[in-house]
Amino acid sequence: MSRRGSGPEPAGGLLVVDKPGGMTSHDVVARVRRLAGTRRVGHAGTLDPMATGVLLLGVGRATRLLTHLVGADKAYEAVVRLGEATTTDDAEGELLPDVGTAAGARGVDPDGSALADALAALRGPISQVPSAVSAIKVDGRRAYARARDGEEVALAARPVVVSALEVRGTSRGTGASGRPVLDLDVRAVVSSGTYVRALARDLGAALGTGGHLTALRRTRVGPYDIAGAAPLADLAAAVDARGDAGRTPDALPGLLPLARAAAAAFGVRHVDDAEAADLAHGRRIAPAEDGPTGTPERPVAALDPAGELVALVRDEDGRTRPTLVLRPA
């Protein structure tokens, strides 16, 4: 679908969607493309089909911001099942044969030191082996595609940071295998690239019970929280009620304008009209006398006197240079 109409590309903005279960992230992107009447829609980090919650979308010119938002930390609410392991480390996989000790999850005390120690070992900077069915590419093909074809997939461990991993509730029951299981309601805050499925797997391995994820909900991406997320069905209903006139990138309900979206994620530097013109042409300007300064890892949003986003900027060699220009020159 091409963008309707002619003239300059709409600025668009960021859209925080509450993704329903059973849809891939690409499914959501495709739906929003139809609702917005443009193909210029992308996402800042996938969610598994089983997972629900915050999916951050860029629409129109805001798709160029996504590269700088992919690395934001993320918060999740999850259910980790101890006592059973699966081929995918989540509920969508096949159960593996009996694992761990004979006592299994029955022998895990929710208030005991063994669980506390296993959780502590997974916090902070750790080295994590991603799930074999992750979207990581191996020799040009996704790991999950190789695993589906019956290949043995061995992924290298990589550094991640788990800022928070805490149990907020527990319940006992019987799993699909007929074995006793212990379900842990978990809250996790992790760096980009961390697999919560792998945390469930590794927790079960550390306790000798096996473990996998049975539910996952992403509650935050960087500063964008689930409280500000629009359920996809509500978004579609609002657009459909407007008819074709409402299917434009700038008319999506809940769309965060570029300046507001950037201000939430980055520090803000206010520039005058002359500085804004220089940045829009890719030229460097004098550094700010006070206020935030940008770095390659963490740029700053430069806003013009009208409050519009001109560029993301960073300081380098005594000057402020644009890292990403978002206002047409």
C-alpha atoms as a PDB file:
ATOM      1  CA  MET A   1       0.000   0.000   0.000  1.00  0.00           C
ATOM      2  CA  SER A   2       1.473   3.348  -0.933  1.00  0.00           C
ATOM      3  CA  ARG A   3       0.888   6.536   0.955  1.00  0.00           C
ATOM      4  CA  ARG A   4      -2.247   8.268  -0.222  1.00  0.00           C
ATOM      5  CA  GLY A   5      -2.087  11.753  -1.606  1.00  0.00           C
ATOM      6  CA  SER A   6       0.892  13.806  -2.726  1.00  0.00           C
ATOM      7  CA  GLY A   7       3.217  16.393  -1.252  1.00  0.00           C
ATOM      8  CA  PRO A   8       5.750  16.048   1.553  1.00  0.00           C
ATOM      9  CA  GLU A   9       5.855  12.933   3.649  1.00  0.00           C
ATOM     10  CA  PRO A  10       3.751  13.226   6.826  1.00  0.00           C
ATOM     11  CA  ALA A  11       5.781  13.534  10.001  1.00  0.00           C
ATOM     12  CA  GLY A  12       3.888  10.667  11.589  1.00  0.00           C
ATOM     13  CA  GLY A  13       4.963   9.717  15.092  1.00  0.00           C
ATOM     14  CA  LEU A  14       5.269   6.848  17.530  1.00  0.00           C
ATOM     15  CA  LEU A  15       2.389   4.535  18.311  1.00  0.00           C
ATOM     16  CA  VAL A  16       2.387   2.438  21.486  1.00  0.00           C
ATOM     17  CA  VAL A  17       0.263  -0.643  20.789  1.00  0.00           C
ATOM     18  CA  ASP A  18      -0.894  -3.252  23.292  1.00  0.00           C
ATOM     19  CA  LYS A  19      -0.262  -6.335  21.173  1.00  0.00           C
ATOM     20  CA  PRO A  20      -2.742  -9.187  21.588  1.00  0.00           C
ATOM     21  CA  GLY A  21      -1.625 -12.787  21.878  1.00  0.00           C
ATOM     22  CA  GLY A  22      -1.567 -14.986  18.794  1.00  0.00           C
ATOM     23  CA  MET A  23      -0.205 -12.312  16.441  1.00  0.00           C
ATOM     24  CA  THR A  24       3.359 -11.798  15.290  1.00  0.00           C
ATOM     25  CA  SER A  25       4.893  -8.348  15.466  1.00  0.00           C
ATOM     26  CA  HIS A  26       4.844  -8.286  11.658  1.00  0.00           C
ATOM     27  CA  ASP A  27       1.094  -9.027  11.744  1.00  0.00           C
ATOM     28  CA  VAL A  28       0.600  -5.914  13.881  1.00  0.00           C
ATOM     29  CA  VAL A  29       2.777  -3.806  11.579  1.00  0.00           C
ATOM     30  CA  ALA A  30       0.776  -4.992   8.559  1.00  0.00           C
ATOM     31  CA  ARG A  31      -2.503  -4.116  10.292  1.00  0.00           C
ATOM     32  CA  VAL A  32      -1.319  -0.630  11.242  1.00  0.00           C
ATOM     33  CA  ARG A  33      -0.065  -0.047   7.687  1.00  0.00           C
ATOM     34  CA  ARG A  34      -3.611  -0.580   6.479  1.00  0.00           C
ATOM     35  CA  LEU A  35      -5.069   1.597   9.213  1.00  0.00           C
ATOM     36  CA  ALA A  36      -2.597   4.425   8.536  1.00  0.00           C
ATOM     37  CA  GLY A  37      -2.707   4.201   4.744  1.00  0.00           C
ATOM     38  CA  THR A  38       1.094   3.970   4.458  1.00  0.00           C
ATOM     39  CA  ARG A  39       3.796   1.336   4.235  1.00  0.00           C
ATOM     40  CA  ARG A  40       6.090   3.509   6.347  1.00  0.00           C
ATOM     41  CA  VAL A  41       5.482   1.570   9.576  1.00  0.00           C
ATOM     42  CA  GLY A  42       8.075  -0.370  11.554  1.00  0.00           C
ATOM     43  CA  HIS A  43       8.605  -1.679  15.083  1.00  0.00           C
ATOM     44  CA  ALA A  44      11.319  -1.269  17.718  1.00  0.00           C
ATOM     45  CA  GLY A  45      11.793  -4.853  18.889  1.00  0.00           C
ATOM     46  CA  THR A  46       9.695  -7.951  18.287  1.00  0.00           C
ATOM     47  CA  LEU A  47       7.325  -9.760  20.601  1.00  0.00           C
ATOM     48  CA  ASP A  48       6.684 -13.499  20.268  1.00  0.00           C
ATOM     49  CA  PRO A  49       3.180 -14.473  19.090  1.00  0.00           C
ATOM     50  CA  MET A  50       2.436 -15.845  22.583  1.00  0.00           C
ATOM     51  CA  ALA A  51       3.399 -12.543  24.229  1.00  0.00           C
ATOM     52  CA  THR A  52       1.200  -9.511  24.760  1.00  0.00           C
ATOM     53  CA  GLY A  53       1.869  -5.906  25.678  1.00  0.00           C
ATOM     54  CA  VAL A  54       3.910  -2.939  24.540  1.00  0.00           C
ATOM     55  CA  LEU A  55       4.919  -2.965  20.884  1.00  0.00           C
ATOM     56  CA  LEU A  56       6.463   0.341  19.863  1.00  0.00           C
ATOM     57  CA  LEU A  57       5.718   1.344  16.257  1.00  0.00           C
ATOM     58  CA  GLY A  58       7.117   4.171  14.173  1.00  0.00           C
ATOM     59  CA  VAL A  59       4.815   5.681  11.548  1.00  0.00           C
ATOM     60  CA  GLY A  60       5.927   7.896   8.660  1.00  0.00           C
ATOM     61  CA  ARG A  61       9.106   9.868   9.300  1.00  0.00           C
ATOM     62  CA  ALA A  62       9.224   8.503  12.856  1.00  0.00           C
ATOM     63  CA  THR A  63      10.358   5.111  11.524  1.00  0.00           C
ATOM     64  CA  ARG A  64      13.823   6.687  11.427  1.00  0.00           C
ATOM     65  CA  LEU A  65      13.744   7.063  15.207  1.00  0.00           C
ATOM     66  CA  LEU A  66      13.356   3.332  15.748  1.00  0.00           C
ATOM     67  CA  THR A  67      17.068   2.567  15.354  1.00  0.00           C
ATOM     68  CA  HIS A  68      17.729   4.741  18.402  1.00  0.00           C
ATOM     69  CA  LEU A  69      14.945   3.115  20.441  1.00  0.00           C
ATOM     70  CA  VAL A  70      15.648  -0.574  19.788  1.00  0.00           C
ATOM     71  CA  GLY A  71      18.293  -0.597  22.518  1.00  0.00           C
ATOM     72  CA  ALA A  72      15.980   0.713  25.262  1.00  0.00           C
ATOM     73  CA  ASP A  73      15.528  -1.425  28.375  1.00  0.00           C
ATOM     74  CA  LYS A  74      12.291  -3.384  28.697  1.00  0.00           C
ATOM     75  CA  ALA A  75      10.047  -4.513  31.543  1.00  0.00           C
ATOM     76  CA  TYR A  76       7.979  -7.702  31.600  1.00  0.00           C
ATOM     77  CA  GLU A  77       5.494  -9.620  33.676  1.00  0.00           C
ATOM     78  CA  ALA A  78       5.828 -13.355  33.137  1.00  0.00           C
ATOM     79  CA  VAL A  79       4.829 -16.756  34.466  1.00  0.00           C
ATOM     80  CA  VAL A  80       7.715 -19.210  34.796  1.00  0.00           C
ATOM     81  CA  ARG A  81       6.703 -22.865  35.187  1.00  0.00           C
ATOM     82  CA  LEU A  82       9.161 -25.029  37.110  1.00  0.00           C
ATOM     83  CA  GLY A  83       8.888 -28.794  36.707  1.00  0.00           C
ATOM     84  CA  GLU A  84       8.592 -28.987  32.914  1.00  0.00           C
ATOM     85  CA  ALA A  85      10.845 -27.980  30.031  1.00  0.00           C
ATOM     86  CA  THR A  86       9.913 -27.516  26.370  1.00  0.00           C
ATOM     87  CA  THR A  87      11.678 -27.479  23.026  1.00  0.00           C
ATOM     88  CA  THR A  88      11.109 -23.720  22.657  1.00  0.00           C
ATOM     89  CA  ASP A  89      11.512 -22.668  26.318  1.00  0.00           C
ATOM     90  CA  ASP A  90       7.892 -21.482  26.255  1.00  0.00           C
ATOM     91  CA  ALA A  91       4.370 -22.890  26.162  1.00  0.00           C
ATOM     92  CA  GLU A  92       4.306 -23.150  22.371  1.00  0.00           C
ATOM     93  CA  GLY A  93       6.931 -25.906  22.286  1.00  0.00           C
ATOM     94  CA  GLU A  94       6.717 -29.638  22.863  1.00  0.00           C
ATOM     95  CA  LEU A  95       7.322 -31.018  26.336  1.00  0.00           C
ATOM     96  CA  LEU A  96      10.718 -32.571  26.847  1.00  0.00           C
ATOM     97  CA  PRO A  97      11.117 -35.901  28.656  1.00  0.00           C
ATOM     98  CA  ASP A  98      11.438 -35.962  32.430  1.00  0.00           C
ATOM     99  CA  VAL A  99      14.145 -33.611  33.586  1.00  0.00           C
ATOM    100  CA  GLY A 100      15.842 -32.863  36.860  1.00  0.00           C
ATOM    101  CA  THR A 101      15.426 -34.529  40.221  1.00  0.00           C
ATOM    102  CA  ALA A 102      12.771 -37.041  41.137  1.00  0.00           C
ATOM    103  CA  ALA A 103      11.147 -34.509  43.459  1.00  0.00           C
ATOM    104  CA  GLY A 104      11.001 -31.969  40.636  1.00  0.00           C
ATOM    105  CA  ALA A 105       9.103 -28.749  41.356  1.00  0.00           C
ATOM    106  CA  ARG A 106       7.595 -30.344  44.488  1.00  0.00           C
ATOM    107  CA  GLY A 107      10.979 -29.977  46.127  1.00  0.00           C
ATOM    108  CA  VAL A 108      11.285 -26.222  45.475  1.00  0.00           C
ATOM    109  CA  ASP A 109      10.443 -24.021  48.442  1.00  0.00           C
ATOM    110  CA  PRO A 110       9.138 -20.648  47.147  1.00  0.00           C
ATOM    111  CA  ASP A 111      10.612 -18.986  50.228  1.00  0.00           C
ATOM    112  CA  GLY A 112      13.762 -21.069  50.361  1.00  0.00           C
ATOM    113  CA  SER A 113      17.388 -20.172  49.753  1.00  0.00           C
ATOM    114  CA  ALA A 114      17.746 -22.370  46.656  1.00  0.00           C
ATOM    115  CA  LEU A 115      15.237 -20.322  44.661  1.00  0.00           C
ATOM    116  CA  ALA A 116      16.579 -17.040  46.052  1.00  0.00           C
ATOM    117  CA  ASP A 117      20.146 -17.998  45.096  1.00  0.00           C
ATOM    118  CA  ALA A 118      19.116 -19.133  41.597  1.00  0.00           C
ATOM    119  CA  LEU A 119      17.314 -15.839  40.985  1.00  0.00           C
ATOM    120  CA  ALA A 120      20.252 -13.824  42.302  1.00  0.00           C
ATOM    121  CA  ALA A 121      22.600 -15.612  39.900  1.00  0.00           C
ATOM    122  CA  LEU A 122      20.479 -14.410  36.965  1.00  0.00           C
ATOM    123  CA  ARG A 123      20.526 -10.742  38.000  1.00  0.00           C
ATOM    124  CA  GLY A 124      22.985  -8.098  36.912  1.00  0.00           C
ATOM    125  CA  PRO A 125      25.387  -8.427  33.969  1.00  0.00           C
ATOM    126  CA  ILE A 126      25.197 -12.060  32.844  1.00  0.00           C
ATOM    127  CA  SER A 127      26.147 -14.153  29.836  1.00  0.00           C
ATOM    128  CA  GLN A 128      23.009 -15.621  28.250  1.00  0.00           C
ATOM    129  CA  VAL A 129      22.590 -18.257  25.548  1.00  0.00           C
ATOM    130  CA  PRO A 130      19.526 -17.261  23.485  1.00  0.00           C
ATOM    131  CA  SER A 131      16.780 -19.775  22.826  1.00  0.00           C
ATOM    132  CA  ALA A 132      17.356 -21.994  19.810  1.00  0.00           C
ATOM    133  CA  VAL A 133      14.077 -20.701  18.337  1.00  0.00           C
ATOM    134  CA  SER A 134      15.056 -17.037  18.546  1.00  0.00           C
ATOM    135  CA  ALA A 135      15.096 -14.664  15.574  1.00  0.00           C
ATOM    136  CA  ILE A 136      18.901 -14.456  15.603  1.00  0.00           C
ATOM    137  CA  LYS A 137      20.399 -15.160  12.194  1.00  0.00           C
ATOM    138  CA  VAL A 138      22.819 -18.051  11.734  1.00  0.00           C
ATOM    139  CA  ASP A 139      24.597 -17.937   8.364  1.00  0.00           C
ATOM    140  CA  GLY A 140      21.824 -15.775   6.952  1.00  0.00           C
ATOM    141  CA  ARG A 141      18.860 -17.795   8.269  1.00  0.00           C
ATOM    142  CA  ARG A 142      16.804 -17.252  11.404  1.00  0.00           C
ATOM    143  CA  ALA A 143      17.603 -19.695  14.194  1.00  0.00           C
ATOM    144  CA  TYR A 144      13.922 -20.623  14.549  1.00  0.00           C
ATOM    145  CA  ALA A 145      13.735 -21.567  10.854  1.00  0.00           C
ATOM    146  CA  ARG A 146      16.740 -23.864  11.207  1.00  0.00           C
ATOM    147  CA  ALA A 147      15.269 -25.414  14.363  1.00  0.00           C
ATOM    148  CA  ARG A 148      11.936 -26.038  12.595  1.00  0.00           C
ATOM    149  CA  ASP A 149      13.828 -27.869   9.854  1.00  0.00           C
ATOM    150  CA  GLY A 150      15.290 -30.221  12.430  1.00  0.00           C
ATOM    151  CA  GLU A 151      18.756 -28.704  12.549  1.00  0.00           C
ATOM    152  CA  GLU A 152      20.761 -28.583  15.758  1.00  0.00           C
ATOM    153  CA  VAL A 153      21.109 -24.898  16.558  1.00  0.00           C
ATOM    154  CA  ALA A 154      23.869 -23.824  18.936  1.00  0.00           C
ATOM    155  CA  LEU A 155      23.929 -20.091  19.595  1.00  0.00           C
ATOM    156  CA  ALA A 156      26.786 -18.285  21.257  1.00  0.00           C
ATOM    157  CA  ALA A 157      26.283 -16.714  24.671  1.00  0.00           C
ATOM    158  CA  ARG A 158      26.147 -12.939  24.736  1.00  0.00           C
ATOM    159  CA  PRO A 159      26.247 -10.306  27.464  1.00  0.00           C
ATOM    160  CA  VAL A 160      22.942  -8.926  28.752  1.00  0.00           C
ATOM    161  CA  VAL A 161      21.867  -7.088  31.878  1.00  0.00           C
ATOM    162  CA  VAL A 162      18.986  -8.171  34.114  1.00  0.00           C
ATOM    163  CA  SER A 163      18.238  -5.145  36.297  1.00  0.00           C
ATOM    164  CA  ALA A 164      15.353  -6.766  38.165  1.00  0.00           C
ATOM    165  CA  LEU A 165      14.081 -10.324  38.515  1.00  0.00           C
ATOM    166  CA  GLU A 166      11.648 -10.895  41.350  1.00  0.00           C
ATOM    167  CA  VAL A 167       8.886 -13.328  42.249  1.00  0.00           C
ATOM    168  CA  ARG A 168       5.574 -11.698  43.129  1.00  0.00           C
ATOM    169  CA  GLY A 169       3.446 -14.796  43.607  1.00  0.00           C
ATOM    170  CA  THR A 170       3.449 -18.594  43.333  1.00  0.00           C
ATOM    171  CA  SER A 171       1.000 -21.419  42.763  1.00  0.00           C
ATOM    172  CA  ARG A 172       1.317 -25.185  42.619  1.00  0.00           C
ATOM    173  CA  GLY A 173      -0.444 -27.537  40.249  1.00  0.00           C
ATOM    174  CA  THR A 174      -0.080 -30.369  37.795  1.00  0.00           C
ATOM    175  CA  GLY A 175       1.407 -29.747  34.361  1.00  0.00           C
ATOM    176  CA  ALA A 176       0.434 -31.181  30.984  1.00  0.00           C
ATOM    177  CA  SER A 177       2.949 -33.972  31.596  1.00  0.00           C
ATOM    178  CA  GLY A 178       1.157 -35.023  34.775  1.00  0.00           C
ATOM    179  CA  ARG A 179       4.126 -33.911  36.862  1.00  0.00           C
ATOM    180  CA  PRO A 180       3.838 -31.444  39.739  1.00  0.00           C
ATOM    181  CA  VAL A 181       4.717 -27.901  38.723  1.00  0.00           C
ATOM    182  CA  LEU A 182       5.361 -24.627  40.507  1.00  0.00           C
ATOM    183  CA  ASP A 183       4.326 -21.451  38.696  1.00  0.00           C
ATOM    184  CA  LEU A 184       6.177 -18.243  39.547  1.00  0.00           C
ATOM    185  CA  ASP A 185       4.657 -14.837  38.777  1.00  0.00           C
ATOM    186  CA  VAL A 186       7.766 -12.877  37.855  1.00  0.00           C
ATOM    187  CA  ARG A 187       8.628  -9.257  37.128  1.00  0.00           C
ATOM    188  CA  ALA A 188      11.747  -8.649  35.047  1.00  0.00           C
ATOM    189  CA  VAL A 189      13.544  -5.536  33.807  1.00  0.00           C
ATOM    190  CA  VAL A 190      16.169  -6.350  31.212  1.00  0.00           C
ATOM    191  CA  SER A 191      18.467  -4.843  28.617  1.00  0.00           C
ATOM    192  CA  SER A 192      17.708  -5.075  24.934  1.00  0.00           C
ATOM    193  CA  GLY A 193      18.485  -8.511  23.529  1.00  0.00           C
ATOM    194  CA  THR A 194      17.609 -10.409  26.711  1.00  0.00           C
ATOM    195  CA  TYR A 195      15.346 -13.438  26.267  1.00  0.00           C
ATOM    196  CA  VAL A 196      12.914 -13.921  29.150  1.00  0.00           C
ATOM    197  CA  ARG A 197      12.317 -17.457  27.848  1.00  0.00           C
ATOM    198  CA  ALA A 198      15.992 -18.157  28.395  1.00  0.00           C
ATOM    199  CA  LEU A 199      15.747 -16.818  31.960  1.00  0.00           C
ATOM    200  CA  ALA A 200      12.939 -19.331  32.613  1.00  0.00           C
ATOM    201  CA  ARG A 201      14.999 -22.124  31.053  1.00  0.00           C
ATOM    202  CA  ASP A 202      18.111 -21.260  33.046  1.00  0.00           C
ATOM    203  CA  LEU A 203      16.205 -20.873  36.318  1.00  0.00           C
ATOM    204  CA  GLY A 204      14.747 -24.365  35.878  1.00  0.00           C
ATOM    205  CA  ALA A 205      18.163 -25.772  35.018  1.00  0.00           C
ATOM    206  CA  ALA A 206      19.755 -24.177  38.093  1.00  0.00           C
ATOM    207  CA  LEU A 207      17.078 -25.725  40.343  1.00  0.00           C
ATOM    208  CA  GLY A 208      17.224 -29.120  38.647  1.00  0.00           C
ATOM    209  CA  THR A 209      13.540 -29.045  37.718  1.00  0.00           C
ATOM    210  CA  GLY A 210      13.434 -27.806  34.149  1.00  0.00           C
ATOM    211  CA  GLY A 211      11.545 -24.634  33.399  1.00  0.00           C
ATOM    212  CA  HIS A 212       9.755 -22.748  30.677  1.00  0.00           C
ATOM    213  CA  LEU A 213       7.628 -19.651  30.136  1.00  0.00           C
ATOM    214  CA  THR A 214       3.839 -19.990  30.089  1.00  0.00           C
ATOM    215  CA  ALA A 215       2.879 -16.293  29.825  1.00  0.00           C
ATOM    216  CA  LEU A 216       4.673 -13.086  28.921  1.00  0.00           C
ATOM    217  CA  ARG A 217       3.491  -9.481  28.903  1.00  0.00           C
ATOM    218  CA  ARG A 218       5.771  -6.564  28.063  1.00  0.00           C
ATOM    219  CA  THR A 219       4.828  -3.608  30.239  1.00  0.00           C
ATOM    220  CA  ARG A 220       7.413  -1.041  29.153  1.00  0.00           C
ATOM    221  CA  VAL A 221       9.887  -0.170  26.406  1.00  0.00           C
ATOM    222  CA  GLY A 222      12.175   2.631  27.566  1.00  0.00           C
ATOM    223  CA  PRO A 223       9.871   5.454  28.741  1.00  0.00           C
ATOM    224  CA  TYR A 224       6.806   4.080  26.925  1.00  0.00           C
ATOM    225  CA  ASP A 225       4.542   2.287  29.395  1.00  0.00           C
ATOM    226  CA  ILE A 226       1.615  -0.096  29.026  1.00  0.00           C
ATOM    227  CA  ALA A 227      -0.635   2.558  30.614  1.00  0.00           C
ATOM    228  CA  GLY A 228      -0.283   4.599  27.417  1.00  0.00           C
ATOM    229  CA  ALA A 229      -0.670   1.661  25.025  1.00  0.00           C
ATOM    230  CA  ALA A 230      -3.723   1.295  22.788  1.00  0.00           C
ATOM    231  CA  PRO A 231      -5.211  -2.193  22.318  1.00  0.00           C
ATOM    232  CA  LEU A 232      -4.998  -3.031  18.622  1.00  0.00           C
ATOM    233  CA  ALA A 233      -8.722  -3.813  18.414  1.00  0.00           C
ATOM    234  CA  ASP A 234      -9.627  -0.408  19.884  1.00  0.00           C
ATOM    235  CA  LEU A 235      -7.286   1.328  17.470  1.00  0.00           C
ATOM    236  CA  ALA A 236      -8.809  -0.469  14.495  1.00  0.00           C
ATOM    237  CA  ALA A 237     -12.355   0.291  15.659  1.00  0.00           C
ATOM    238  CA  ALA A 238     -11.570   4.005  16.037  1.00  0.00           C
ATOM    239  CA  VAL A 239     -10.061   4.231  12.553  1.00  0.00           C
ATOM    240  CA  ASP A 240     -12.859   2.209  10.959  1.00  0.00           C
ATOM    241  CA  ALA A 241     -15.425   4.532  12.538  1.00  0.00           C
ATOM    242  CA  ARG A 242     -13.824   7.497  10.763  1.00  0.00           C
ATOM    243  CA  GLY A 243     -13.906   5.842   7.339  1.00  0.00           C
ATOM    244  CA  ASP A 244     -11.265   6.313   4.645  1.00  0.00           C
ATOM    245  CA  ALA A 245     -10.687   9.926   5.681  1.00  0.00           C
ATOM    246  CA  GLY A 246      -9.178   8.677   8.926  1.00  0.00           C
ATOM    247  CA  ARG A 247      -6.676   6.360   7.252  1.00  0.00           C
ATOM    248  CA  THR A 248      -3.722   8.721   7.205  1.00  0.00           C
ATOM    249  CA  PRO A 249      -0.436   8.493   9.127  1.00  0.00           C
ATOM    250  CA  ASP A 250      -1.071  11.659  11.124  1.00  0.00           C
ATOM    251  CA  ALA A 251      -4.655  10.748  12.052  1.00  0.00           C
ATOM    252  CA  LEU A 252      -4.010   7.545  13.988  1.00  0.00           C
ATOM    253  CA  PRO A 253      -5.587   7.754  17.464  1.00  0.00           C
ATOM    254  CA  GLY A 254      -2.966   7.908  20.198  1.00  0.00           C
ATOM    255  CA  LEU A 255      -0.123   8.791  17.835  1.00  0.00           C
ATOM    256  CA  LEU A 256       2.698  10.559  19.696  1.00  0.00           C
ATOM    257  CA  PRO A 257       4.048  13.451  17.577  1.00  0.00           C
ATOM    258  CA  LEU A 258       7.746  13.325  16.777  1.00  0.00           C
ATOM    259  CA  ALA A 259       8.779  16.040  19.248  1.00  0.00           C
ATOM    260  CA  ARG A 260       6.804  14.577  22.148  1.00  0.00           C
ATOM    261  CA  ALA A 261       8.034  11.054  21.410  1.00  0.00           C
ATOM    262  CA  ALA A 262      11.664  12.154  21.228  1.00  0.00           C
ATOM    263  CA  ALA A 263      11.393  14.277  24.376  1.00  0.00           C
ATOM    264  CA  ALA A 264      10.186  11.224  26.306  1.00  0.00           C
ATOM    265  CA  ALA A 265      13.149   9.088  25.217  1.00  0.00           C
ATOM    266  CA  PHE A 266      16.034  11.570  25.028  1.00  0.00           C
ATOM    267  CA  GLY A 267      17.187  14.745  26.710  1.00  0.00           C
ATOM    268  CA  VAL A 268      16.018  17.967  25.047  1.00  0.00           C
ATOM    269  CA  ARG A 269      18.101  20.849  23.698  1.00  0.00           C
ATOM    270  CA  HIS A 270      16.264  23.950  22.534  1.00  0.00           C
ATOM    271  CA  VAL A 271      17.792  25.646  19.497  1.00  0.00           C
ATOM    272  CA  ASP A 272      17.046  28.962  17.784  1.00  0.00           C
ATOM    273  CA  ASP A 273      15.899  29.333  14.177  1.00  0.00           C
ATOM    274  CA  ALA A 274      19.422  29.765  12.788  1.00  0.00           C
ATOM    275  CA  GLU A 275      20.693  26.682  14.618  1.00  0.00           C
ATOM    276  CA  ALA A 276      17.650  24.707  13.491  1.00  0.00           C
ATOM    277  CA  ALA A 277      18.345  25.652   9.863  1.00  0.00           C
ATOM    278  CA  ASP A 278      21.973  24.563  10.183  1.00  0.00           C
ATOM    279  CA  LEU A 279      21.018  21.229  11.716  1.00  0.00           C
ATOM    280  CA  ALA A 280      18.368  20.632   9.039  1.00  0.00           C
ATOM    281  CA  HIS A 281      21.134  21.011   6.441  1.00  0.00           C
ATOM    282  CA  GLY A 282      23.412  18.642   8.303  1.00  0.00           C
ATOM    283  CA  ARG A 283      25.734  21.357   9.598  1.00  0.00           C
ATOM    284  CA  ARG A 284      27.321  21.480  13.047  1.00  0.00           C
ATOM    285  CA  ILE A 285      26.449  24.139  15.597  1.00  0.00           C
ATOM    286  CA  ALA A 286      28.072  25.470  18.768  1.00  0.00           C
ATOM    287  CA  PRO A 287      27.636  23.291  21.857  1.00  0.00           C
ATOM    288  CA  ALA A 288      25.059  24.259  24.439  1.00  0.00           C
ATOM    289  CA  GLU A 289      26.302  26.407  27.307  1.00  0.00           C
ATOM    290  CA  ASP A 290      24.158  24.397  29.692  1.00  0.00           C
ATOM    291  CA  GLY A 291      21.662  21.560  29.517  1.00  0.00           C
ATOM    292  CA  PRO A 292      22.094  17.983  28.259  1.00  0.00           C
ATOM    293  CA  THR A 293      24.829  17.028  25.795  1.00  0.00           C
ATOM    294  CA  GLY A 294      24.457  14.113  23.454  1.00  0.00           C
ATOM    295  CA  THR A 295      26.753  11.110  22.978  1.00  0.00           C
ATOM    296  CA  PRO A 296      26.930   8.492  20.200  1.00  0.00           C
ATOM    297  CA  GLU A 297      25.055   6.067  22.469  1.00  0.00           C
ATOM    298  CA  ARG A 298      22.597   8.628  23.809  1.00  0.00           C
ATOM    299  CA  PRO A 299      21.817  11.555  21.501  1.00  0.00           C
ATOM    300  CA  VAL A 300      19.724  14.577  22.458  1.00  0.00           C
ATOM    301  CA  ALA A 301      16.558  15.803  20.752  1.00  0.00           C
ATOM    302  CA  ALA A 302      16.993  19.306  19.293  1.00  0.00           C
ATOM    303  CA  LEU A 303      13.713  21.248  19.271  1.00  0.00           C
ATOM    304  CA  ASP A 304      13.174  24.510  17.390  1.00  0.00           C
ATOM    305  CA  PRO A 305      11.408  27.601  18.853  1.00  0.00           C
ATOM    306  CA  ALA A 306       8.049  26.177  17.738  1.00  0.00           C
ATOM    307  CA  GLY A 307       8.723  22.995  19.700  1.00  0.00           C
ATOM    308  CA  GLU A 308       9.180  20.836  16.592  1.00  0.00           C
ATOM    309  CA  LEU A 309      11.847  18.131  16.383  1.00  0.00           C
ATOM    310  CA  VAL A 310      14.699  19.087  14.082  1.00  0.00           C
ATOM    311  CA  ALA A 311      17.285  16.377  14.723  1.00  0.00           C
ATOM    312  CA  LEU A 312      18.937  14.077  17.185  1.00  0.00           C
ATOM    313  CA  VAL A 313      22.321  15.577  18.034  1.00  0.00           C
ATOM    314  CA  ARG A 314      25.520  14.703  19.856  1.00  0.00           C
ATOM    315  CA  ASP A 315      28.607  16.601  20.924  1.00  0.00           C
ATOM    316  CA  GLU A 316      31.848  15.744  19.149  1.00  0.00           C
ATOM    317  CA  ASP A 317      35.204  17.560  19.016  1.00  0.00           C
ATOM    318  CA  GLY A 318      33.826  20.682  20.647  1.00  0.00           C
ATOM    319  CA  ARG A 319      30.819  21.010  18.311  1.00  0.00           C
ATOM    320  CA  THR A 320      27.268  19.674  18.217  1.00  0.00           C
ATOM    321  CA  ARG A 321      26.556  17.612  15.144  1.00  0.00           C
ATOM    322  CA  PRO A 322      23.296  16.068  13.908  1.00  0.00           C
ATOM    323  CA  THR A 323      23.178  12.292  14.225  1.00  0.00           C
ATOM    324  CA  LEU A 324      19.756  12.009  12.589  1.00  0.00           C
ATOM    325  CA  VAL A 325      17.996  14.865  10.760  1.00  0.00           C
ATOM    326  CA  LEU A 326      14.215  14.604  10.953  1.00  0.00           C
ATOM    327  CA  ARG A 327      13.097  18.010   9.654  1.00  0.00           C
ATOM    328  CA  PRO A 328      13.327  18.507   5.903  1.00  0.00           C
ATOM    329  CA  ALA A 329      15.886  21.200   5.003  1.00  0.00           C
END
